[in-house]
Amino acid sequence: MKKAGGTVRRTTPKRVTCEECFFRVNLLCALDLAEPCGTFRPSEAQLKPPQQLRFVFRQEQRTRAAWAFPSAEEQAALYA
């Protein structure tokens, strides 16, 4: 933040504690540490997975397959 004299005032980040962790608040933490661990998540954050993409079926454009097995009559004609 800037002060009136043009100098920049630095603010120190707020220190987090285990008591503010999502896992500790929801009784999901099994660790007994003096400081927050690497999995610390703020308790006010909503831990939701990101929204997945929707699967949309395309309309089939072709009415016939590009290649098909010969019919029984066509196979019989080949070996007759």
C-alpha atoms as a PDB file:
ATOM      1  CA  MET A   1       0.000   0.000   0.000  1.00  0.00           C
ATOM      2  CA  LYS A   2       1.227   3.532  -0.715  1.00  0.00           C
ATOM      3  CA  LYS A   3       1.388   6.211   1.892  1.00  0.00           C
ATOM      4  CA  ALA A   4       0.927   9.920   1.206  1.00  0.00           C
ATOM      5  CA  GLY A   5       4.702  10.538   1.001  1.00  0.00           C
ATOM      6  CA  GLY A   6       5.111   8.084  -1.874  1.00  0.00           C
ATOM      7  CA  THR A   7       6.738   5.371   0.229  1.00  0.00           C
ATOM      8  CA  VAL A   8       5.519   1.824   0.102  1.00  0.00           C
ATOM      9  CA  ARG A   9       4.327   0.268   3.333  1.00  0.00           C
ATOM     10  CA  ARG A  10       4.649  -3.495   3.447  1.00  0.00           C
ATOM     11  CA  THR A  11       2.204  -5.547   5.380  1.00  0.00           C
ATOM     12  CA  THR A  12       3.272  -8.828   6.867  1.00  0.00           C
ATOM     13  CA  PRO A  13       1.120 -11.772   5.882  1.00  0.00           C
ATOM     14  CA  LYS A  14      -1.170 -13.114   8.565  1.00  0.00           C
ATOM     15  CA  ARG A  15       0.258 -16.195  10.233  1.00  0.00           C
ATOM     16  CA  VAL A  16      -1.985 -19.192   9.888  1.00  0.00           C
ATOM     17  CA  THR A  17      -2.571 -21.776  12.581  1.00  0.00           C
ATOM     18  CA  CYS A  18      -3.843 -25.320  12.569  1.00  0.00           C
ATOM     19  CA  GLU A  19      -7.033 -24.091  14.234  1.00  0.00           C
ATOM     20  CA  GLU A  20      -7.901 -22.219  11.003  1.00  0.00           C
ATOM     21  CA  CYS A  21      -7.356 -25.278   8.775  1.00  0.00           C
ATOM     22  CA  PHE A  22     -10.330 -26.825   6.965  1.00  0.00           C
ATOM     23  CA  PHE A  23      -9.269 -30.318   7.979  1.00  0.00           C
ATOM     24  CA  ARG A  24      -8.863 -29.413  11.670  1.00  0.00           C
ATOM     25  CA  VAL A  25     -12.190 -27.542  11.813  1.00  0.00           C
ATOM     26  CA  ASN A  26     -14.052 -30.486  10.255  1.00  0.00           C
ATOM     27  CA  LEU A  27     -12.234 -33.044  12.440  1.00  0.00           C
ATOM     28  CA  LEU A  28     -10.467 -34.579   9.439  1.00  0.00           C
ATOM     29  CA  CYS A  29      -6.901 -33.948  10.626  1.00  0.00           C
ATOM     30  CA  ALA A  30      -4.965 -36.764  12.275  1.00  0.00           C
ATOM     31  CA  LEU A  31      -1.757 -34.797  12.838  1.00  0.00           C
ATOM     32  CA  ASP A  32      -0.681 -33.219  16.109  1.00  0.00           C
ATOM     33  CA  LEU A  33       1.781 -30.563  14.988  1.00  0.00           C
ATOM     34  CA  ALA A  34       2.823 -27.211  16.412  1.00  0.00           C
ATOM     35  CA  GLU A  35       2.610 -25.501  13.019  1.00  0.00           C
ATOM     36  CA  PRO A  36       0.433 -25.883   9.914  1.00  0.00           C
ATOM     37  CA  CYS A  37       1.415 -28.743   7.619  1.00  0.00           C
ATOM     38  CA  GLY A  38       1.763 -28.776   3.842  1.00  0.00           C
ATOM     39  CA  THR A  39      -1.895 -29.667   3.321  1.00  0.00           C
ATOM     40  CA  PHE A  40      -3.214 -26.539   5.071  1.00  0.00           C
ATOM     41  CA  ARG A  41      -6.396 -25.161   3.509  1.00  0.00           C
ATOM     42  CA  PRO A  42      -8.300 -22.176   4.923  1.00  0.00           C
ATOM     43  CA  SER A  43     -11.492 -23.266   6.652  1.00  0.00           C
ATOM     44  CA  GLU A  44     -13.588 -20.575   4.977  1.00  0.00           C
ATOM     45  CA  ALA A  45     -12.620 -21.874   1.523  1.00  0.00           C
ATOM     46  CA  GLN A  46     -15.119 -24.193  -0.050  1.00  0.00           C
ATOM     47  CA  LEU A  47     -13.154 -27.240  -1.107  1.00  0.00           C
ATOM     48  CA  LYS A  48     -14.920 -28.353  -4.259  1.00  0.00           C
ATOM     49  CA  PRO A  49     -13.408 -30.062  -7.269  1.00  0.00           C
ATOM     50  CA  PRO A  50     -13.385 -27.990 -10.442  1.00  0.00           C
ATOM     51  CA  GLN A  51     -16.427 -28.340 -12.654  1.00  0.00           C
ATOM     52  CA  GLN A  52     -15.949 -31.039 -15.255  1.00  0.00           C
ATOM     53  CA  LEU A  53     -16.543 -30.523 -18.926  1.00  0.00           C
ATOM     54  CA  ARG A  54     -19.891 -31.617 -20.266  1.00  0.00           C
ATOM     55  CA  PHE A  55     -19.973 -34.611 -22.570  1.00  0.00           C
ATOM     56  CA  VAL A  56     -22.012 -33.737 -25.633  1.00  0.00           C
ATOM     57  CA  PHE A  57     -22.992 -36.397 -28.130  1.00  0.00           C
ATOM     58  CA  ARG A  58     -22.502 -35.397 -31.732  1.00  0.00           C
ATOM     59  CA  GLN A  59     -25.225 -36.016 -34.242  1.00  0.00           C
ATOM     60  CA  GLU A  60     -24.300 -38.795 -36.623  1.00  0.00           C
ATOM     61  CA  GLN A  61     -23.783 -37.284 -40.073  1.00  0.00           C
ATOM     62  CA  ARG A  62     -23.448 -40.485 -42.095  1.00  0.00           C
ATOM     63  CA  THR A  63     -26.336 -42.830 -42.648  1.00  0.00           C
ATOM     64  CA  ARG A  64     -24.103 -45.625 -43.962  1.00  0.00           C
ATOM     65  CA  ALA A  65     -20.844 -46.950 -42.644  1.00  0.00           C
ATOM     66  CA  ALA A  66     -17.731 -46.326 -44.723  1.00  0.00           C
ATOM     67  CA  TRP A  67     -17.053 -50.057 -44.803  1.00  0.00           C
ATOM     68  CA  ALA A  68     -19.301 -52.997 -43.985  1.00  0.00           C
ATOM     69  CA  PHE A  69     -18.956 -56.752 -43.942  1.00  0.00           C
ATOM     70  CA  PRO A  70     -20.384 -58.461 -47.003  1.00  0.00           C
ATOM     71  CA  SER A  71     -23.831 -59.946 -46.567  1.00  0.00           C
ATOM     72  CA  ALA A  72     -24.332 -63.718 -46.359  1.00  0.00           C
ATOM     73  CA  GLU A  73     -25.448 -63.841 -49.988  1.00  0.00           C
ATOM     74  CA  GLU A  74     -22.344 -61.922 -51.143  1.00  0.00           C
ATOM     75  CA  GLN A  75     -20.061 -64.233 -49.139  1.00  0.00           C
ATOM     76  CA  ALA A  76     -21.778 -67.341 -50.595  1.00  0.00           C
ATOM     77  CA  ALA A  77     -21.347 -65.949 -54.091  1.00  0.00           C
ATOM     78  CA  LEU A  78     -17.604 -65.502 -53.489  1.00  0.00           C
ATOM     79  CA  TYR A  79     -17.095 -69.171 -52.547  1.00  0.00           C
ATOM     80  CA  ALA A  80     -19.609 -70.745 -54.950  1.00  0.00           C
END
